[in-house]
Amino acid sequence: MKERKVTGMKQNLIRPMTDEYTEYLRDESRTVGKAETISFPASEEEIVNIVKQMEEHKTPITLQGARTGLAAGAVPFQGHVMNMSRMDKINGIRKDEAGNFYIKLQPGVILSQLRKKIELKSFDYQNWREEDQKAYADFCDAPEHFFSPDPTEASATLGGMVACNASGARSYRYGSIRPYVTALRIVLASGETLEIRRGEIIAKGREIQLLTEQGRKLKIKLPSYKMPDTKNASGYYVDDNMDAIDLFIGSDGTLGIISEIEVGLLKMPPVVWGVTCFFQQETFVLDYIKEIRNEIEEIASMEYFDGDALEILRQQKKKGQAFAQLPDIHPEMKAAAYLELHTGTEKNALLLLEKIEAIMETAGGNPLHTWVARVDVDRDRLLFFRHAIPESVNMLIDERKKTAPNITKLGTDMAVPDEHLHRVVTIYRKTLKEKGIQSAVWGHIGDNHLHVNLLPKSDEEYETGKKIYAEWAREITGLGGAVSAEHGVGKLKSQFLQVMFGEEAVNQMRELKRTFDPYGMLGRDNLFTYETEGGKTS
């Protein structure tokens, strides 16, 4: 691997954290932090120079993308903020021998912009290498492709998505971002650099050896804990004989700074239809989803919305024009499930619709309360419905914050194995009824991954909500689940990581981080609180 040369530092790269930059002290978790300086690097060279300056005084560095995260991973508690928004270039396209396409990009590329460029096959390729331009010409002649990870917030950056192993609705069929990341360039806390390609560096059991481009060998002892058998974005990914690249995916910005990413694309299925079914009881939906999973393979996503979420949307629709274009939802409907079909022909899609209708009726649903989207404009409307519900909840909380400024929405991000879906919903409902806190539930029900959003009205309810969250973390862990399935752990869920894995495992994570970052500079207090080698918290 060829080492990239580092040259002189631009004087204005590191700036004081003045009032001009206060927005960079928060993210979508509504958490507000503090920092002394901020930078906006535009290249790996600039990242290296900034890191070397920070290393002189062991200054903590908090990495940021678009700050769409919900776990405060991008919120600084001290030190320096490195915001990657200027690193938004797409560097090339590669085509392998099997005809698959891969895009090389910087970590600040926005997901929605990447999607649009892929859809329109429109890239600024003038400065690409000759082989990349040739691959791009082949890409333009090829059938339509897409990038499968689809978190609700399409304004997320690719770097942020890699940092938390993001997924989204289509993870039911296609999985999280992890398998689509095929190469990473990484700047370590020392300023040294790594390039890792999938399949090239494999662990021997639980040990990995890496070689920096500057010639230093890193011997990494992987923790001994076992990952849960469910959708998961909690802590460092480890496994016997694992690919080294997977260690950095989902590491919450704590092991290195990603300076370039290569991601793989998939061929777009010929037919993509959406189906939203409404039900009068929540239990009907759970039975419906169970049978859909057993009977139909061509499902890309399964999304759920409970009656409380639907009612909040109804009320917000009455208040203003933001959601006026949505169809009315019958007042007797207390739950909804959205399915996205990916299949080869319209004939097969029609057969699938018939099958879905039969399953729905058996579960207690009514075909008259069903929306079907066969063309892009109708499917966009169903997606708008999906996104309108969390937006409605955020609007409700923002209104409540006017009288109780310290409260926020408390949204869970937990998942359980398939056999525990009914049980975990029973647990949620029992607790919510006992505590009397308003809630709205939605999420990726196909993965048994529901976001239970607690909506406090006062500081007292907010504190109660945090206790409920902690109680659920223990119960989910007892079911073999994950405390964070897609949003990462960040700073807000670090106590739940210990609940999930135990103190010994978290200490093994600390030791792993020290191998890469002995002074705890990167992503300090993400995943776990920073401790010196003597065990003292700093």
Protein backbone atom coordinates (compact mmCIF):
# COMPACT_ATOMS: atom_id res chain seq x y z
CA MET A 1 0.00 0.00 0.00
CA LYS A 2 1.31 3.37 -0.97
CA GLU A 3 1.68 5.97 1.78
CA ARG A 4 0.05 9.32 1.03
CA LYS A 5 2.26 12.33 1.56
CA VAL A 6 1.30 14.92 4.20
CA THR A 7 2.16 18.53 3.51
CA GLY A 8 1.85 21.80 5.39
CA MET A 9 -1.15 22.90 7.43
CA LYS A 10 -3.55 25.57 6.28
CA GLN A 11 -3.73 28.21 8.96
CA ASN A 12 -7.52 28.42 9.10
CA LEU A 13 -8.33 24.69 9.31
CA ILE A 14 -8.74 24.73 13.10
CA ARG A 15 -11.11 27.44 14.24
CA PRO A 16 -12.27 28.58 17.68
CA MET A 17 -15.73 27.35 18.66
CA THR A 18 -17.47 30.73 18.45
CA ASP A 19 -21.21 31.45 18.39
CA GLU A 20 -21.08 31.02 14.62
CA TYR A 21 -20.67 27.26 15.12
CA THR A 22 -23.02 26.56 18.03
CA GLU A 23 -25.26 24.37 15.85
CA TYR A 24 -22.37 21.88 15.70
CA LEU A 25 -22.71 21.26 19.43
CA ARG A 26 -25.92 19.23 18.97
CA ASP A 27 -27.49 16.50 16.90
CA GLU A 28 -30.99 15.04 16.39
CA SER A 29 -30.91 13.53 19.89
CA ARG A 30 -31.46 17.13 21.07
CA THR A 31 -28.37 16.74 23.29
CA VAL A 32 -26.18 19.87 23.51
CA GLY A 33 -22.45 19.66 24.27
CA LYS A 34 -19.37 21.85 24.33
CA ALA A 35 -16.04 22.12 22.51
CA GLU A 36 -13.13 24.51 22.18
CA THR A 37 -12.36 24.22 18.45
CA ILE A 38 -13.85 22.97 15.18
CA SER A 39 -12.57 22.02 11.73
CA PHE A 40 -14.02 21.16 8.31
CA PRO A 41 -11.40 19.08 6.47
CA ALA A 42 -11.82 18.57 2.73
CA SER A 43 -9.26 15.79 2.24
CA GLU A 44 -7.45 12.97 3.98
CA GLU A 45 -4.35 15.12 4.01
CA GLU A 46 -6.16 17.78 6.03
CA ILE A 47 -7.54 15.15 8.42
CA VAL A 48 -4.02 13.88 9.08
CA ASN A 49 -2.69 17.36 9.73
CA ILE A 50 -5.52 18.18 12.15
CA VAL A 51 -5.11 14.89 14.00
CA LYS A 52 -1.37 15.45 14.40
CA GLN A 53 -2.04 18.86 15.93
CA MET A 54 -4.65 17.42 18.30
CA GLU A 55 -2.31 14.57 19.26
CA GLU A 56 0.29 17.02 20.58
CA HIS A 57 -2.01 17.86 23.50
CA LYS A 58 -4.06 14.61 23.49
CA THR A 59 -7.13 16.67 22.64
CA PRO A 60 -10.34 14.64 22.22
CA ILE A 61 -11.84 14.68 18.70
CA THR A 62 -15.56 14.25 18.07
CA LEU A 63 -16.41 13.26 14.50
CA GLN A 64 -19.51 14.57 12.78
CA GLY A 65 -21.40 14.02 9.56
CA ALA A 66 -24.82 15.57 9.10
CA ARG A 67 -25.64 15.21 12.83
CA THR A 68 -28.78 13.18 12.13
CA GLY A 69 -27.91 10.62 14.82
CA LEU A 70 -30.17 9.89 17.77
CA ALA A 71 -27.56 8.64 20.27
CA ALA A 72 -25.43 11.83 20.65
CA GLY A 73 -22.40 10.17 19.07
CA ALA A 74 -21.67 13.41 17.18
CA VAL A 75 -22.13 15.67 20.23
CA PRO A 76 -18.81 16.83 21.74
CA PHE A 77 -18.40 16.94 25.50
CA GLN A 78 -14.97 18.59 25.25
CA GLY A 79 -12.06 19.23 22.90
CA HIS A 80 -12.30 19.45 19.11
CA VAL A 81 -15.11 18.87 16.60
CA MET A 82 -14.15 17.48 13.20
CA ASN A 83 -17.08 17.96 10.84
CA MET A 84 -16.84 16.00 7.58
CA SER A 85 -19.44 17.91 5.55
CA ARG A 86 -16.82 19.30 3.12
CA MET A 87 -15.65 15.79 2.27
CA ASP A 88 -18.54 15.24 -0.09
CA LYS A 89 -16.90 14.07 -3.31
CA ILE A 90 -17.53 10.85 -5.22
CA ASN A 91 -14.11 9.60 -6.28
CA GLY A 92 -14.91 6.87 -8.77
CA ILE A 93 -16.75 3.71 -9.80
CA ARG A 94 -15.31 0.21 -10.00
CA LYS A 95 -16.66 -2.79 -11.87
CA ASP A 96 -15.61 -6.30 -10.90
CA GLU A 97 -15.30 -9.41 -13.07
CA ALA A 98 -18.87 -10.46 -12.26
CA GLY A 99 -20.24 -7.14 -13.51
CA ASN A 100 -21.00 -5.69 -10.07
CA PHE A 101 -20.50 -1.96 -9.49
CA TYR A 102 -18.89 -0.22 -6.51
CA ILE A 103 -18.77 3.50 -5.75
CA LYS A 104 -15.80 5.18 -4.04
CA LEU A 105 -16.75 8.26 -2.04
CA GLN A 106 -15.78 10.55 0.80
CA PRO A 107 -17.55 10.20 4.16
CA GLY A 108 -19.46 13.50 3.89
CA VAL A 109 -21.56 12.39 0.89
CA ILE A 110 -25.27 12.70 1.72
CA LEU A 111 -27.38 9.57 1.21
CA SER A 112 -30.20 11.32 -0.66
CA GLN A 113 -27.70 12.90 -3.06
CA LEU A 114 -26.00 9.56 -3.67
CA ARG A 115 -29.36 7.95 -4.40
CA LYS A 116 -30.23 10.64 -6.92
CA LYS A 117 -26.89 10.33 -8.71
CA ILE A 118 -27.28 6.56 -8.93
CA GLU A 119 -30.86 6.87 -10.18
CA LEU A 120 -29.99 9.46 -12.85
CA LYS A 121 -26.57 7.91 -13.57
CA SER A 122 -25.18 11.41 -13.29
CA PHE A 123 -21.72 11.79 -11.77
CA ASP A 124 -19.00 14.41 -12.10
CA TYR A 125 -16.38 12.03 -13.51
CA GLN A 126 -13.97 14.48 -15.20
CA ASN A 127 -11.20 13.97 -12.60
CA TRP A 128 -11.61 10.23 -12.22
CA ARG A 129 -8.96 7.74 -13.23
CA GLU A 130 -9.24 6.24 -16.70
CA GLU A 131 -10.37 2.84 -15.42
CA ASP A 132 -13.08 4.50 -13.30
CA GLN A 133 -14.35 6.47 -16.29
CA LYS A 134 -14.55 3.24 -18.28
CA ALA A 135 -16.48 1.56 -15.47
CA TYR A 136 -18.80 4.58 -15.36
CA ALA A 137 -19.52 4.21 -19.08
CA ASP A 138 -20.45 0.57 -18.44
CA PHE A 139 -22.60 1.66 -15.49
CA CYS A 140 -24.52 4.10 -17.69
CA ASP A 141 -25.29 1.26 -20.13
CA ALA A 142 -26.25 -1.20 -17.38
CA PRO A 143 -29.73 -1.82 -15.92
CA GLU A 144 -30.86 0.38 -13.01
CA HIS A 145 -29.00 -0.10 -9.71
CA PHE A 146 -29.60 1.05 -6.14
CA PHE A 147 -27.88 1.35 -2.77
CA SER A 148 -29.95 -0.70 -0.35
CA PRO A 149 -29.43 0.84 3.14
CA ASP A 150 -32.28 3.29 3.71
CA PRO A 151 -32.43 4.92 7.16
CA THR A 152 -35.45 7.15 7.69
CA GLU A 153 -33.25 10.26 7.65
CA ALA A 154 -31.99 10.41 4.06
CA SER A 155 -29.89 13.48 4.89
CA ALA A 156 -27.45 11.23 6.78
CA THR A 157 -23.88 11.04 5.51
CA LEU A 158 -22.29 7.79 4.38
CA GLY A 159 -19.57 8.19 7.01
CA GLY A 160 -22.16 8.47 9.76
CA MET A 161 -24.01 5.46 8.39
CA VAL A 162 -20.84 3.36 8.45
CA ALA A 163 -20.03 4.59 11.96
CA CYS A 164 -23.30 3.23 13.39
CA ASN A 165 -23.86 0.32 10.95
CA ALA A 166 -27.07 1.98 9.73
CA SER A 167 -29.81 -0.02 8.10
CA GLY A 168 -33.42 1.15 7.70
CA ALA A 169 -36.60 -0.38 6.35
CA ARG A 170 -35.06 -2.54 3.62
CA SER A 171 -32.75 -4.25 6.08
CA TYR A 172 -35.36 -7.02 6.36
CA ARG A 173 -34.28 -8.32 2.94
CA TYR A 174 -30.89 -6.72 2.34
CA GLY A 175 -29.36 -6.28 5.78
CA SER A 176 -27.49 -3.31 7.24
CA ILE A 177 -24.78 -1.27 5.52
CA ARG A 178 -22.07 -3.65 6.78
CA PRO A 179 -21.96 -6.17 3.87
CA TYR A 180 -22.03 -3.36 1.28
CA VAL A 181 -18.89 -1.66 2.59
CA THR A 182 -16.09 -3.21 0.53
CA ALA A 183 -13.17 -0.89 1.35
CA LEU A 184 -12.24 1.82 3.85
CA ARG A 185 -9.44 4.32 4.19
CA ILE A 186 -8.88 5.22 7.83
CA VAL A 187 -6.83 7.82 9.70
CA LEU A 188 -5.81 6.64 13.17
CA ALA A 189 -5.45 8.81 16.28
CA SER A 190 -1.68 8.86 15.66
CA GLY A 191 -2.16 10.35 12.19
CA GLU A 192 -1.14 7.06 10.57
CA THR A 193 -3.32 5.65 7.81
CA LEU A 194 -4.84 2.28 6.92
CA GLU A 195 -6.48 0.93 3.81
CA ILE A 196 -8.62 -2.17 4.31
CA ARG A 197 -10.40 -4.09 1.57
CA ARG A 198 -13.02 -6.70 2.31
CA GLY A 199 -11.64 -10.21 2.07
CA GLU A 200 -7.97 -9.23 2.31
CA ILE A 201 -7.31 -9.22 6.10
CA ILE A 202 -8.97 -12.03 8.04
CA ALA A 203 -8.61 -12.69 11.76
CA LYS A 204 -7.03 -15.86 13.05
CA GLY A 205 -9.57 -16.83 15.65
CA ARG A 206 -9.85 -13.68 17.74
CA GLU A 207 -6.62 -12.00 16.67
CA ILE A 208 -6.06 -9.54 13.82
CA GLN A 209 -2.83 -8.03 12.54
CA LEU A 210 -2.87 -4.75 10.65
CA LEU A 211 -0.04 -2.82 9.02
CA THR A 212 -0.29 0.95 8.74
CA GLU A 213 0.88 2.61 5.53
CA GLN A 214 3.70 4.09 7.62
CA GLY A 215 4.94 0.57 8.48
CA ARG A 216 3.71 0.06 12.06
CA LYS A 217 2.26 -3.33 12.96
CA LEU A 218 -0.89 -3.46 15.08
CA LYS A 219 -1.72 -6.68 16.89
CA ILE A 220 -5.37 -6.61 17.91
CA LYS A 221 -6.86 -9.00 20.43
CA LEU A 222 -10.60 -9.15 19.85
CA PRO A 223 -13.03 -9.35 22.79
CA SER A 224 -14.44 -12.77 23.68
CA TYR A 225 -18.15 -11.89 23.86
CA LYS A 226 -20.70 -13.30 21.43
CA MET A 227 -22.86 -11.05 19.26
CA PRO A 228 -26.65 -11.47 19.63
CA ASP A 229 -28.54 -13.43 17.01
CA THR A 230 -30.62 -10.46 15.90
CA LYS A 231 -30.32 -7.11 14.16
CA ASN A 232 -27.59 -5.27 16.06
CA ALA A 233 -25.58 -2.04 16.13
CA SER A 234 -24.38 -2.28 19.73
CA GLY A 235 -20.64 -2.11 20.40
CA TYR A 236 -17.73 -3.46 18.40
CA TYR A 237 -18.56 -6.25 15.98
CA VAL A 238 -16.44 -9.29 16.77
CA ASP A 239 -16.44 -12.92 15.65
CA ASP A 240 -14.06 -15.80 15.10
CA ASN A 241 -12.08 -15.45 11.86
CA MET A 242 -13.83 -12.19 11.02
CA ASP A 243 -12.97 -9.73 8.27
CA ALA A 244 -10.94 -6.83 9.68
CA ILE A 245 -13.07 -4.25 7.89
CA ASP A 246 -16.08 -5.20 10.02
CA LEU A 247 -14.35 -4.04 13.18
CA PHE A 248 -14.53 -0.42 12.01
CA ILE A 249 -18.12 -0.58 10.76
CA GLY A 250 -20.38 0.31 13.69
CA SER A 251 -17.49 1.50 15.88
CA ASP A 252 -19.14 4.89 16.56
CA GLY A 253 -16.10 6.92 15.48
CA THR A 254 -13.90 5.50 18.25
CA LEU A 255 -11.24 3.50 16.39
CA GLY A 256 -10.35 5.71 13.44
CA ILE A 257 -11.49 8.50 11.13
CA ILE A 258 -12.95 7.25 7.85
CA SER A 259 -11.56 9.25 4.93
CA GLU A 260 -12.86 7.17 2.01
CA ILE A 261 -15.52 4.47 1.60
CA GLU A 262 -16.27 2.02 -1.17
CA VAL A 263 -19.80 0.62 -1.26
CA GLY A 264 -21.42 -2.01 -3.46
CA LEU A 265 -24.62 -1.50 -5.43
CA LEU A 266 -27.44 -3.92 -6.22
CA LYS A 267 -29.49 -4.30 -9.37
CA MET A 268 -32.91 -2.72 -8.98
CA PRO A 269 -35.66 -5.38 -9.13
CA PRO A 270 -37.96 -4.88 -12.14
CA VAL A 271 -41.08 -4.42 -10.00
CA VAL A 272 -41.25 -2.50 -6.70
CA TRP A 273 -44.72 -2.15 -5.16
CA GLY A 274 -45.83 -0.91 -1.76
CA VAL A 275 -48.77 -2.15 0.32
CA THR A 276 -50.08 -0.56 3.52
CA CYS A 277 -52.69 -2.56 5.44
CA PHE A 278 -54.68 -1.13 8.37
CA PHE A 279 -56.00 -3.18 11.28
CA GLN A 280 -58.37 -2.64 14.20
CA GLN A 281 -56.14 -4.41 16.73
CA GLU A 282 -52.40 -4.59 17.29
CA THR A 283 -52.48 -8.37 17.80
CA PHE A 284 -53.92 -8.74 14.28
CA VAL A 285 -50.78 -7.12 12.85
CA LEU A 286 -48.43 -9.38 14.83
CA ASP A 287 -50.20 -12.47 13.49
CA TYR A 288 -50.18 -10.98 9.98
CA ILE A 289 -46.44 -10.28 10.06
CA LYS A 290 -45.66 -13.76 11.35
CA GLU A 291 -47.49 -15.36 8.43
CA ILE A 292 -46.04 -12.93 5.86
CA ARG A 293 -42.55 -13.91 7.02
CA ASN A 294 -43.40 -17.59 6.72
CA GLU A 295 -45.19 -17.45 3.37
CA ILE A 296 -43.67 -14.71 1.18
CA GLU A 297 -40.01 -14.29 0.24
CA GLU A 298 -40.18 -11.26 -2.06
CA ILE A 299 -40.55 -8.71 0.74
CA ALA A 300 -37.89 -6.01 1.06
CA SER A 301 -39.30 -4.22 4.09
CA MET A 302 -41.96 -4.56 6.78
CA GLU A 303 -42.82 -1.40 8.70
CA TYR A 304 -45.23 -0.97 11.62
CA PHE A 305 -47.22 1.95 13.07
CA ASP A 306 -49.38 1.61 16.17
CA GLY A 307 -52.70 3.31 16.92
CA ASP A 308 -51.11 6.05 19.04
CA ALA A 309 -48.79 6.98 16.17
CA LEU A 310 -51.71 7.04 13.71
CA GLU A 311 -53.74 9.25 16.03
CA ILE A 312 -50.91 11.76 16.45
CA LEU A 313 -50.65 11.94 12.65
CA ARG A 314 -54.42 12.48 12.37
CA GLN A 315 -54.21 15.39 14.81
CA GLN A 316 -51.20 16.98 13.12
CA LYS A 317 -52.93 16.68 9.77
CA LYS A 318 -55.86 18.69 11.16
CA LYS A 319 -53.57 21.44 12.45
CA GLY A 320 -51.77 22.41 9.25
CA GLN A 321 -50.85 21.87 5.65
CA ALA A 322 -47.67 19.83 6.13
CA PHE A 323 -49.51 16.50 5.93
CA ALA A 324 -52.65 17.61 4.09
CA GLN A 325 -51.83 15.47 1.04
CA LEU A 326 -52.04 12.24 3.04
CA PRO A 327 -55.24 10.20 2.66
CA ASP A 328 -57.53 10.08 5.66
CA ILE A 329 -57.02 7.16 8.04
CA HIS A 330 -60.28 5.63 9.25
CA PRO A 331 -60.72 6.38 13.00
CA GLU A 332 -61.35 2.72 13.83
CA MET A 333 -57.92 1.68 12.53
CA LYS A 334 -55.53 1.12 15.43
CA ALA A 335 -52.46 -0.22 13.63
CA ALA A 336 -50.85 -0.36 10.20
CA ALA A 337 -48.20 -2.41 8.42
CA TYR A 338 -46.32 -1.37 5.28
CA LEU A 339 -44.79 -3.98 2.98
CA GLU A 340 -42.50 -3.31 0.03
CA LEU A 341 -42.48 -5.99 -2.65
CA HIS A 342 -39.38 -6.57 -4.80
CA THR A 343 -40.07 -9.05 -7.57
CA GLY A 344 -39.43 -9.85 -11.22
CA THR A 345 -42.74 -9.32 -13.01
CA GLU A 346 -46.06 -7.55 -12.53
CA LYS A 347 -47.79 -10.90 -12.94
CA ASN A 348 -45.92 -12.24 -9.94
CA ALA A 349 -46.59 -9.02 -8.00
CA LEU A 350 -50.34 -9.50 -8.54
CA LEU A 351 -50.09 -13.06 -7.27
CA LEU A 352 -48.25 -11.76 -4.20
CA LEU A 353 -51.01 -9.19 -3.61
CA GLU A 354 -53.60 -11.97 -3.65
CA LYS A 355 -51.53 -13.92 -1.14
CA ILE A 356 -51.12 -10.86 1.09
CA GLU A 357 -54.88 -10.22 0.97
CA ALA A 358 -55.62 -13.78 2.07
CA ILE A 359 -53.14 -13.57 4.96
CA MET A 360 -54.51 -10.17 5.96
CA GLU A 361 -58.11 -11.42 6.07
CA THR A 362 -57.11 -14.49 8.07
CA ALA A 363 -55.37 -12.20 10.59
CA GLY A 364 -58.48 -10.01 10.93
CA GLY A 365 -57.77 -7.27 8.39
CA ASN A 366 -60.02 -5.78 5.71
CA PRO A 367 -58.90 -5.26 2.09
CA LEU A 368 -61.05 -2.10 1.96
CA HIS A 369 -58.57 -0.48 4.38
CA THR A 370 -55.49 -1.05 2.24
CA TRP A 371 -53.33 1.26 0.15
CA VAL A 372 -51.46 -0.21 -2.82
CA ALA A 373 -48.73 1.68 -4.67
CA ARG A 374 -47.75 0.33 -8.08
CA VAL A 375 -46.08 3.40 -9.56
CA ASP A 376 -43.41 5.75 -8.22
CA VAL A 377 -45.75 8.62 -7.34
CA ASP A 378 -47.99 6.36 -5.23
CA ARG A 379 -45.03 4.66 -3.58
CA ASP A 380 -43.56 8.07 -2.73
CA ARG A 381 -46.85 8.91 -1.03
CA LEU A 382 -46.63 5.77 1.11
CA LEU A 383 -43.04 6.62 1.99
CA PHE A 384 -44.17 10.13 2.89
CA PHE A 385 -46.73 8.53 5.23
CA ARG A 386 -43.96 6.47 6.81
CA HIS A 387 -41.80 9.55 7.39
CA ALA A 388 -44.71 11.80 8.43
CA ILE A 389 -45.37 9.84 11.61
CA PRO A 390 -41.98 10.43 13.30
CA GLU A 391 -42.06 14.03 12.04
CA SER A 392 -45.49 14.48 13.67
CA VAL A 393 -44.12 13.15 16.96
CA ASN A 394 -41.15 15.52 16.79
CA MET A 395 -43.54 18.43 16.22
CA LEU A 396 -45.54 17.36 19.29
CA ILE A 397 -42.42 17.21 21.47
CA ASP A 398 -41.18 20.59 20.18
CA GLU A 399 -44.50 22.09 21.26
CA ARG A 400 -44.20 20.55 24.72
CA LYS A 401 -40.64 21.80 25.12
CA LYS A 402 -42.00 25.34 25.19
CA THR A 403 -43.28 24.67 28.72
CA ALA A 404 -40.86 21.88 29.70
CA PRO A 405 -37.57 22.73 27.92
CA ASN A 406 -35.57 19.86 29.46
CA ILE A 407 -37.66 17.05 28.01
CA THR A 408 -36.97 15.13 24.81
CA LYS A 409 -38.55 12.19 23.06
CA LEU A 410 -37.14 8.93 24.42
CA GLY A 411 -37.03 6.48 21.53
CA THR A 412 -35.95 2.88 21.93
CA ASP A 413 -33.85 1.14 19.29
CA MET A 414 -34.02 -2.46 20.51
CA ALA A 415 -34.51 -5.69 18.60
CA VAL A 416 -35.20 -9.30 19.61
CA PRO A 417 -35.04 -12.68 17.85
CA ASP A 418 -38.06 -13.70 15.75
CA GLU A 419 -39.63 -15.95 18.35
CA HIS A 420 -39.99 -13.10 20.85
CA LEU A 421 -41.96 -10.52 18.83
CA HIS A 422 -45.31 -11.14 20.57
CA ARG A 423 -43.62 -11.30 23.95
CA VAL A 424 -41.71 -8.06 23.61
CA VAL A 425 -44.83 -6.18 22.49
CA THR A 426 -46.62 -7.53 25.57
CA ILE A 427 -43.76 -6.25 27.75
CA TYR A 428 -43.94 -2.80 26.17
CA ARG A 429 -47.73 -2.56 26.53
CA LYS A 430 -47.75 -3.72 30.15
CA THR A 431 -45.16 -1.13 31.20
CA LEU A 432 -46.77 1.72 29.25
CA LYS A 433 -50.15 0.98 30.82
CA GLU A 434 -48.67 0.86 34.33
CA LYS A 435 -46.68 4.10 33.98
CA GLY A 436 -49.29 6.08 32.06
CA ILE A 437 -46.83 7.85 29.75
CA GLN A 438 -47.99 8.70 26.23
CA SER A 439 -46.18 6.77 23.53
CA ALA A 440 -46.06 6.14 19.80
CA VAL A 441 -44.63 2.94 18.37
CA TRP A 442 -43.31 2.38 14.86
CA GLY A 443 -40.42 0.62 13.20
CA HIS A 444 -39.01 -2.34 11.38
CA ILE A 445 -41.33 -5.08 12.55
CA GLY A 446 -39.93 -7.60 10.07
CA ASP A 447 -36.71 -7.51 12.11
CA ASN A 448 -38.63 -7.42 15.44
CA HIS A 449 -37.15 -3.95 15.77
CA LEU A 450 -39.74 -1.49 17.07
CA HIS A 451 -39.02 2.09 18.10
CA VAL A 452 -41.11 2.74 21.22
CA ASN A 453 -41.19 6.50 21.54
CA LEU A 454 -41.98 7.78 25.03
CA LEU A 455 -43.52 11.25 24.88
CA PRO A 456 -43.23 12.97 28.28
CA LYS A 457 -45.21 16.08 29.16
CA SER A 458 -43.09 17.12 32.15
CA ASP A 459 -39.66 16.71 33.75
CA GLU A 460 -41.13 14.10 36.09
CA GLU A 461 -42.44 12.02 33.20
CA TYR A 462 -39.11 12.43 31.43
CA GLU A 463 -37.26 10.92 34.41
CA THR A 464 -39.81 8.11 34.58
CA GLY A 465 -39.26 7.49 30.88
CA LYS A 466 -35.51 7.05 31.38
CA LYS A 467 -36.17 4.45 34.08
CA ILE A 468 -38.55 2.61 31.74
CA TYR A 469 -35.87 2.59 29.05
CA ALA A 470 -33.35 1.05 31.46
CA GLU A 471 -35.87 -1.57 32.56
CA TRP A 472 -36.58 -2.53 28.96
CA ALA A 473 -32.84 -2.78 28.20
CA ARG A 474 -32.54 -5.47 30.86
CA GLU A 475 -35.59 -7.35 29.60
CA ILE A 476 -34.52 -7.18 25.94
CA THR A 477 -31.06 -8.45 26.86
CA GLY A 478 -32.68 -11.34 28.72
CA LEU A 479 -34.46 -12.29 25.50
CA GLY A 480 -31.17 -12.39 23.59
CA GLY A 481 -31.80 -9.03 21.95
CA ALA A 482 -29.79 -5.88 21.19
CA VAL A 483 -30.11 -2.54 22.99
CA SER A 484 -29.30 -0.71 19.76
CA ALA A 485 -30.28 -2.25 16.45
CA GLU A 486 -29.46 0.56 14.00
CA HIS A 487 -28.73 3.94 15.63
CA GLY A 488 -25.52 3.00 17.41
CA VAL A 489 -24.74 3.46 21.10
CA GLY A 490 -23.15 6.90 21.08
CA LYS A 491 -23.10 8.61 24.47
CA LEU A 492 -26.74 8.23 25.43
CA LYS A 493 -26.86 4.42 25.49
CA SER A 494 -23.47 3.56 26.96
CA GLN A 495 -25.04 2.35 30.21
CA PHE A 496 -27.23 -0.04 28.22
CA LEU A 497 -24.19 -1.49 26.46
CA GLN A 498 -22.93 -2.66 29.85
CA VAL A 499 -26.35 -4.13 30.62
CA MET A 500 -26.24 -6.04 27.33
CA PHE A 501 -22.69 -7.37 27.39
CA GLY A 502 -21.56 -7.05 31.02
CA GLU A 503 -18.69 -5.15 32.64
CA GLU A 504 -15.97 -7.59 31.57
CA ALA A 505 -16.96 -7.34 27.90
CA VAL A 506 -17.06 -3.54 28.02
CA ASN A 507 -13.58 -3.53 29.56
CA GLN A 508 -12.41 -5.72 26.68
CA MET A 509 -13.84 -3.11 24.30
CA ARG A 510 -11.80 -0.46 26.15
CA GLU A 511 -8.65 -2.51 25.70
CA LEU A 512 -9.38 -2.92 22.01
CA LYS A 513 -9.78 0.84 21.61
CA ARG A 514 -6.48 1.50 23.43
CA THR A 515 -4.66 -0.54 20.76
CA PHE A 516 -5.74 2.01 18.15
CA ASP A 517 -6.14 5.08 20.34
CA PRO A 518 -4.14 4.86 23.61
CA TYR A 519 -5.21 8.32 24.83
CA GLY A 520 -8.90 7.95 24.03
CA MET A 521 -8.88 10.88 21.63
CA LEU A 522 -11.45 9.67 19.08
CA GLY A 523 -15.14 9.64 19.94
CA ARG A 524 -14.43 9.98 23.64
CA ASP A 525 -17.34 8.69 25.77
CA ASN A 526 -19.02 7.01 22.81
CA LEU A 527 -19.82 3.37 23.70
CA PHE A 528 -18.25 3.70 27.15
CA THR A 529 -16.80 6.36 29.42
CA TYR A 530 -13.12 7.10 28.94
CA GLU A 531 -10.77 5.53 31.46
CA THR A 532 -7.01 5.73 31.76
CA GLU A 533 -5.02 2.51 31.87
CA GLY A 534 -5.13 2.75 35.66
CA GLY A 535 -8.90 2.49 35.50
CA LYS A 536 -9.67 6.08 36.46
CA THR A 537 -12.43 7.88 34.63
CA SER A 538 -11.31 11.08 32.94
